[in-house]
Amino acid sequence: MTQLRIACAFALIAPLLLHAPQARAEDTLKIAIGQINNWENQAPTLGEAAGIFKKHNLKIEAFGTQGAGETIQAVLSGSADLGAGVGLAGVMRAFAKGAPVRVLLPAFTGTGDLYWYVRADSPLKTLADASAQNTIAYSTSGSSSNNIVIAFGQELGLKAKPTATGSPPGTLTQVMTGQIDIGWAAPPFGMKEIREGKIRIIAFGSDVPSLRGQTVRVIIVNADALKEKRDAILRFAAGYREAVDWMYADPKALQMYSDKIQQPIDILQESMKKFHPKSALQTEHIADLEGAIADAVKLKFLDAPLTKEQITELLQIPPAK
């Protein structure tokens, strides 16, 4: 009799179990990040560690690159669905040539977070002191540091030879060993060396008038991935925005960042205040798009301005909720 009751009960419950909502497996997205340890590029990595993307049913797999050139290639090849820390001018150049790349989000507006420096014993005091025999660093082709160095030449009359040097740590080694005269970096990298008097800043990206109010770096997405994984990528955009808000609201974020890159919190706080205001990480619109396109033409990233149709296709920025 007991067995009969159990069997009847199961018969009643079984249909409910079949129609019960099933837990959906997390979608995995891969993101390539140029200068992966820079503060402005932390939303994917710190957000993942803090469980923010998990709330959006996502798992983010991030890996670093030497700069925008490598990041764009990773996205174009399909090795990554998304790319971060990519110069807008370089993205427009790739898109204009037919590359399957789109802009998903603005990532950094303005150029005050990048700086150029020399060894403490260098005779160079300003960019104007550099001659054609000197060299000046940028990360990789298509990066915002590349864009700024070209603008240094065109707008400020810099004569030094632009040279790709990769990441800030590799660049610092080349500067300190005399292979490069003027290095580039983004805070907090180099802040310790500046405090110790080993290097001197001689220029900031914000020294270029035309770039000060522009969105210079963006989050990019592979066009095919955007079609095939659209829902997951839109959830990434929502998670990214939530992560940026959290980074500036919760002291735990700065502590996690300090532990990650092994830098004192006071240096990181100084760096954020001076170089990384939250407004620079806005994700709603490309600031001064018209100026960015005009500069891309002037700096020879583009042969001609993008058309309205091209702009509509390139910019796939979801509205913020």
Protein backbone atom coordinates (compact mmCIF):
# COMPACT_ATOMS: atom_id res chain seq x y z
CA MET A 1 0.00 0.00 0.00
CA THR A 2 2.89 2.34 0.87
CA GLN A 3 4.55 1.64 -2.47
CA LEU A 4 1.30 2.40 -4.26
CA ARG A 5 1.03 5.77 -2.50
CA ILE A 6 4.63 6.66 -3.43
CA ALA A 7 4.02 5.71 -7.04
CA CYS A 8 0.88 7.85 -7.18
CA ALA A 9 2.66 10.79 -5.61
CA PHE A 10 5.50 10.55 -8.13
CA ALA A 11 3.00 10.37 -10.96
CA LEU A 12 1.55 13.67 -9.80
CA ILE A 13 4.94 15.38 -9.28
CA ALA A 14 6.73 14.15 -12.42
CA PRO A 15 4.93 16.48 -14.89
CA LEU A 16 5.76 19.43 -12.65
CA LEU A 17 9.43 18.48 -12.64
CA LEU A 18 9.48 18.24 -16.41
CA HIS A 19 8.13 21.75 -16.75
CA ALA A 20 10.13 23.32 -13.92
CA PRO A 21 12.57 26.07 -15.02
CA GLN A 22 16.06 24.72 -15.50
CA ALA A 23 19.15 26.62 -14.32
CA ARG A 24 20.78 28.00 -17.44
CA ALA A 25 24.50 27.46 -17.82
CA GLU A 26 26.60 30.61 -17.81
CA ASP A 27 27.62 31.96 -21.20
CA THR A 28 31.38 32.35 -21.60
CA LEU A 29 32.81 35.38 -23.37
CA LYS A 30 36.49 35.91 -24.10
CA ILE A 31 37.94 39.42 -23.97
CA ALA A 32 41.41 40.56 -25.05
CA ILE A 33 42.68 43.53 -23.06
CA GLY A 34 45.53 45.79 -24.10
CA GLN A 35 47.41 46.94 -20.96
CA ILE A 36 45.37 44.59 -18.79
CA ASN A 37 46.65 46.06 -15.50
CA ASN A 38 45.57 49.65 -16.19
CA TRP A 39 42.80 50.90 -13.89
CA GLU A 40 40.50 51.90 -16.75
CA ASN A 41 40.65 48.31 -18.05
CA GLN A 42 39.66 46.66 -14.77
CA ALA A 43 35.88 46.40 -15.22
CA PRO A 44 36.05 42.97 -16.95
CA THR A 45 38.59 41.43 -14.55
CA LEU A 46 37.59 42.96 -11.21
CA GLY A 47 33.93 42.66 -12.17
CA GLU A 48 34.40 38.96 -12.82
CA ALA A 49 36.27 38.47 -9.53
CA ALA A 50 33.54 40.34 -7.62
CA GLY A 51 30.76 38.20 -9.11
CA ILE A 52 29.14 41.04 -11.05
CA PHE A 53 29.10 39.24 -14.39
CA LYS A 54 27.85 36.08 -12.72
CA LYS A 55 24.70 38.02 -11.85
CA HIS A 56 24.28 38.51 -15.59
CA ASN A 57 24.77 34.78 -16.15
CA LEU A 58 28.18 35.29 -17.72
CA LYS A 59 31.69 33.99 -17.24
CA ILE A 60 34.37 36.37 -18.54
CA GLU A 61 37.71 34.94 -19.65
CA ALA A 62 40.20 37.79 -20.00
CA PHE A 63 43.72 37.75 -21.39
CA GLY A 64 46.24 40.52 -21.91
CA THR A 65 47.89 41.80 -25.08
CA GLN A 66 50.75 44.21 -25.79
CA GLY A 67 48.34 46.85 -27.06
CA ALA A 68 45.54 47.76 -29.44
CA GLY A 69 47.12 46.19 -32.53
CA GLU A 70 47.25 42.75 -30.93
CA THR A 71 43.82 43.22 -29.36
CA ILE A 72 42.18 44.06 -32.68
CA GLN A 73 43.83 41.03 -34.31
CA ALA A 74 42.56 38.75 -31.54
CA VAL A 75 39.02 40.01 -32.08
CA LEU A 76 39.21 39.82 -35.87
CA SER A 77 40.54 36.26 -35.77
CA GLY A 78 37.82 35.13 -33.39
CA SER A 79 40.29 34.32 -30.61
CA ALA A 80 38.32 36.83 -28.54
CA ASP A 81 34.70 37.91 -28.72
CA LEU A 82 35.54 41.34 -27.31
CA GLY A 83 38.50 43.67 -26.98
CA ALA A 84 39.27 46.41 -24.44
CA GLY A 85 41.70 49.31 -24.34
CA VAL A 86 41.54 49.85 -28.11
CA GLY A 87 42.12 53.25 -29.70
CA LEU A 88 39.05 54.52 -31.56
CA ALA A 89 41.13 55.71 -34.53
CA GLY A 90 42.59 52.22 -34.99
CA VAL A 91 39.14 50.64 -34.85
CA MET A 92 37.81 53.05 -37.47
CA ARG A 93 40.78 52.22 -39.71
CA ALA A 94 40.15 48.47 -39.42
CA PHE A 95 36.40 48.92 -39.98
CA ALA A 96 36.92 51.14 -43.04
CA LYS A 97 39.04 48.38 -44.56
CA GLY A 98 36.21 45.88 -44.15
CA ALA A 99 37.23 44.20 -40.92
CA PRO A 100 34.38 42.54 -38.96
CA VAL A 101 34.67 44.79 -35.92
CA ARG A 102 32.13 47.01 -34.15
CA VAL A 103 32.25 49.43 -31.22
CA LEU A 104 30.21 48.12 -28.29
CA LEU A 105 30.98 50.74 -25.63
CA PRO A 106 33.06 53.87 -25.06
CA ALA A 107 35.82 53.01 -22.57
CA PHE A 108 37.84 56.17 -21.93
CA THR A 109 37.22 59.79 -22.81
CA GLY A 110 40.11 62.25 -22.87
CA THR A 111 43.84 61.59 -22.99
CA GLY A 112 45.04 62.81 -19.61
CA ASP A 113 45.71 59.28 -18.36
CA LEU A 114 48.68 58.71 -20.67
CA TYR A 115 52.05 60.33 -20.11
CA TRP A 116 55.51 60.40 -21.68
CA TYR A 117 58.68 60.41 -19.64
CA VAL A 118 62.48 60.32 -19.77
CA ARG A 119 65.21 59.05 -17.48
CA ALA A 120 66.04 61.45 -14.67
CA ASP A 121 69.46 62.18 -16.22
CA SER A 122 68.07 62.87 -19.71
CA PRO A 123 68.87 66.28 -21.22
CA LEU A 124 65.31 66.45 -22.59
CA LYS A 125 63.06 68.73 -20.55
CA THR A 126 60.10 69.03 -22.93
CA LEU A 127 59.00 67.50 -26.23
CA ALA A 128 60.36 70.60 -27.97
CA ASP A 129 63.88 69.56 -26.93
CA ALA A 130 63.70 66.29 -28.88
CA SER A 131 65.37 66.11 -32.29
CA ALA A 132 64.97 63.74 -35.22
CA GLN A 133 67.75 61.64 -33.67
CA ASN A 134 65.61 60.93 -30.62
CA THR A 135 62.94 58.24 -30.29
CA ILE A 136 59.51 58.40 -28.65
CA ALA A 137 57.49 55.35 -27.63
CA TYR A 138 53.92 54.19 -28.21
CA SER A 139 52.45 50.74 -27.58
CA THR A 140 51.28 49.26 -30.90
CA SER A 141 49.85 50.48 -34.20
CA GLY A 142 46.27 51.67 -33.87
CA SER A 143 46.50 52.37 -30.15
CA SER A 144 45.54 55.64 -28.50
CA SER A 145 49.21 56.13 -27.55
CA ASN A 146 50.05 55.78 -31.27
CA ASN A 147 47.37 58.33 -32.11
CA ILE A 148 48.71 60.78 -29.53
CA VAL A 149 52.33 60.45 -30.63
CA ILE A 150 51.33 61.20 -34.23
CA ALA A 151 49.36 64.19 -32.94
CA PHE A 152 52.43 65.34 -30.96
CA GLY A 153 54.17 65.63 -34.31
CA GLN A 154 51.37 67.26 -36.24
CA GLU A 155 50.02 69.61 -33.58
CA LEU A 156 53.01 70.25 -31.31
CA GLY A 157 55.87 69.96 -33.80
CA LEU A 158 57.56 66.93 -32.19
CA LYS A 159 60.54 65.76 -34.27
CA ALA A 160 61.41 62.50 -32.47
CA LYS A 161 60.90 59.19 -34.29
CA PRO A 162 57.76 57.28 -33.19
CA THR A 163 58.68 53.72 -32.13
CA ALA A 164 56.43 50.84 -31.03
CA THR A 165 57.61 49.48 -27.67
CA GLY A 166 54.69 47.40 -26.41
CA SER A 167 53.63 47.46 -22.77
CA PRO A 168 54.67 49.98 -20.09
CA PRO A 169 57.01 47.50 -18.31
CA GLY A 170 58.82 46.67 -21.55
CA THR A 171 58.96 50.34 -22.45
CA LEU A 172 60.48 51.27 -19.10
CA THR A 173 63.24 48.69 -19.58
CA GLN A 174 64.04 50.17 -22.99
CA VAL A 175 64.14 53.71 -21.57
CA MET A 176 66.32 52.80 -18.61
CA THR A 177 68.78 50.92 -20.87
CA GLY A 178 69.00 53.79 -23.35
CA GLN A 179 67.24 52.06 -26.26
CA ILE A 180 64.38 54.60 -26.22
CA ASP A 181 64.68 58.27 -25.32
CA ILE A 182 61.06 59.04 -24.43
CA GLY A 183 58.87 56.31 -22.95
CA TRP A 184 55.11 56.10 -22.54
CA ALA A 185 53.01 54.80 -19.66
CA ALA A 186 49.62 54.91 -18.01
CA PRO A 187 49.20 55.29 -14.24
CA PRO A 188 49.59 53.71 -11.83
CA PHE A 189 52.54 52.23 -13.71
CA GLY A 190 55.61 54.40 -13.20
CA MET A 191 54.26 56.32 -10.21
CA LYS A 192 56.74 54.59 -7.90
CA GLU A 193 59.67 55.41 -10.22
CA ILE A 194 58.52 59.03 -10.41
CA ARG A 195 58.39 59.27 -6.61
CA GLU A 196 61.87 57.76 -6.39
CA GLY A 197 63.24 60.27 -8.92
CA LYS A 198 64.20 57.67 -11.51
CA ILE A 199 62.10 59.14 -14.32
CA ARG A 200 60.55 62.53 -15.18
CA ILE A 201 57.27 63.23 -16.97
CA ILE A 202 57.75 65.62 -19.90
CA ALA A 203 54.34 65.38 -21.63
CA PHE A 204 50.75 64.26 -21.14
CA GLY A 205 48.28 63.04 -23.73
CA SER A 206 46.11 66.01 -22.77
CA ASP A 207 48.78 68.32 -24.16
CA VAL A 208 47.22 67.68 -27.59
CA PRO A 209 44.34 70.19 -27.79
CA SER A 210 42.19 68.31 -30.29
CA LEU A 211 42.07 65.08 -28.27
CA ARG A 212 41.19 66.40 -24.81
CA GLY A 213 37.42 65.94 -25.05
CA GLN A 214 37.29 62.92 -27.34
CA THR A 215 36.51 59.33 -26.54
CA VAL A 216 39.86 57.78 -27.39
CA ARG A 217 39.47 54.13 -26.31
CA VAL A 218 36.57 51.76 -26.76
CA ILE A 219 35.31 48.22 -26.15
CA ILE A 220 35.10 46.38 -29.46
CA VAL A 221 33.22 43.27 -30.49
CA ASN A 222 33.62 40.81 -33.33
CA ALA A 223 30.73 41.44 -35.75
CA ASP A 224 29.98 37.73 -36.14
CA ALA A 225 30.04 37.20 -32.37
CA LEU A 226 27.61 40.11 -31.99
CA LYS A 227 25.17 38.34 -34.31
CA GLU A 228 25.59 34.87 -32.84
CA LYS A 229 25.87 35.82 -29.15
CA ARG A 230 23.91 39.05 -29.11
CA ASP A 231 22.01 38.39 -25.89
CA ALA A 232 25.19 37.43 -24.00
CA ILE A 233 27.07 40.46 -25.34
CA LEU A 234 24.27 42.85 -24.35
CA ARG A 235 24.40 41.30 -20.87
CA PHE A 236 28.15 41.93 -20.91
CA ALA A 237 27.52 45.61 -21.66
CA ALA A 238 25.13 45.82 -18.70
CA GLY A 239 27.62 44.01 -16.47
CA TYR A 240 30.48 46.22 -17.62
CA ARG A 241 28.55 49.37 -16.73
CA GLU A 242 27.63 47.91 -13.34
CA ALA A 243 31.29 47.02 -12.73
CA VAL A 244 32.46 50.57 -13.50
CA ASP A 245 29.93 51.99 -11.03
CA TRP A 246 31.07 49.49 -8.39
CA MET A 247 34.77 50.31 -8.94
CA TYR A 248 34.15 53.92 -7.92
CA ALA A 249 31.63 53.21 -5.14
CA ASP A 250 33.10 50.31 -3.18
CA PRO A 251 36.54 50.62 -1.46
CA LYS A 252 36.84 46.85 -1.84
CA ALA A 253 37.45 47.37 -5.57
CA LEU A 254 40.55 49.46 -4.94
CA GLN A 255 41.81 46.94 -2.37
CA MET A 256 41.34 44.10 -4.88
CA TYR A 257 43.20 46.14 -7.49
CA SER A 258 46.01 46.88 -5.02
CA ASP A 259 46.37 43.18 -4.22
CA LYS A 260 46.30 42.31 -7.91
CA ILE A 261 49.08 44.63 -9.10
CA GLN A 262 51.02 44.80 -5.83
CA GLN A 263 50.89 48.59 -5.52
CA PRO A 264 50.18 50.61 -2.36
CA ILE A 265 46.65 51.94 -2.07
CA ASP A 266 47.85 55.52 -1.50
CA ILE A 267 49.60 55.53 -4.89
CA LEU A 268 46.49 54.11 -6.54
CA GLN A 269 44.26 56.69 -4.89
CA GLU A 270 46.56 59.47 -6.08
CA SER A 271 46.55 58.01 -9.58
CA MET A 272 42.75 57.76 -9.71
CA LYS A 273 42.29 61.33 -8.50
CA LYS A 274 44.78 62.78 -10.96
CA PHE A 275 44.35 60.60 -14.03
CA HIS A 276 41.13 58.54 -13.83
CA PRO A 277 38.01 60.49 -12.85
CA LYS A 278 34.88 58.39 -13.21
CA SER A 279 33.54 60.75 -15.88
CA ALA A 280 36.36 59.58 -18.16
CA LEU A 281 34.97 56.04 -18.03
CA GLN A 282 31.49 57.02 -19.26
CA THR A 283 29.93 54.36 -21.50
CA GLU A 284 26.91 56.06 -23.05
CA HIS A 285 28.21 57.91 -26.11
CA ILE A 286 31.29 58.58 -28.21
CA ALA A 287 32.30 62.08 -27.18
CA ASP A 288 33.21 64.44 -30.04
CA LEU A 289 32.73 61.77 -32.70
CA GLU A 290 32.95 64.36 -35.47
CA GLY A 291 36.29 65.57 -34.15
CA ALA A 292 37.54 61.99 -33.74
CA ILE A 293 36.75 61.21 -37.38
CA ALA A 294 38.35 64.45 -38.58
CA ASP A 295 41.49 63.71 -36.56
CA ALA A 296 41.59 60.13 -37.86
CA VAL A 297 41.68 61.55 -41.39
CA LYS A 298 44.25 64.21 -40.48
CA LEU A 299 46.47 61.64 -38.78
CA LYS A 300 46.05 59.26 -41.76
CA PHE A 301 44.18 56.53 -39.93
CA LEU A 302 41.37 57.09 -42.45
CA ASP A 303 41.56 58.00 -46.14
CA ALA A 304 38.18 59.75 -45.94
CA PRO A 305 35.57 60.51 -43.27
CA LEU A 306 33.15 57.71 -42.41
CA THR A 307 29.67 58.11 -43.91
CA LYS A 308 26.52 58.25 -41.77
CA GLU A 309 25.72 54.71 -42.86
CA GLN A 310 29.17 53.50 -41.83
CA ILE A 311 28.91 55.23 -38.46
CA THR A 312 25.52 53.61 -37.83
CA GLU A 313 26.99 50.20 -38.63
CA LEU A 314 30.19 50.73 -36.63
CA LEU A 315 28.62 52.01 -33.41
CA GLN A 316 26.55 49.32 -31.70
CA ILE A 317 26.29 51.00 -28.29
CA PRO A 318 23.26 49.76 -26.34
CA PRO A 319 21.36 52.45 -24.42
CA ALA A 320 22.05 52.55 -20.70
CA LYS A 321 19.11 51.54 -18.51
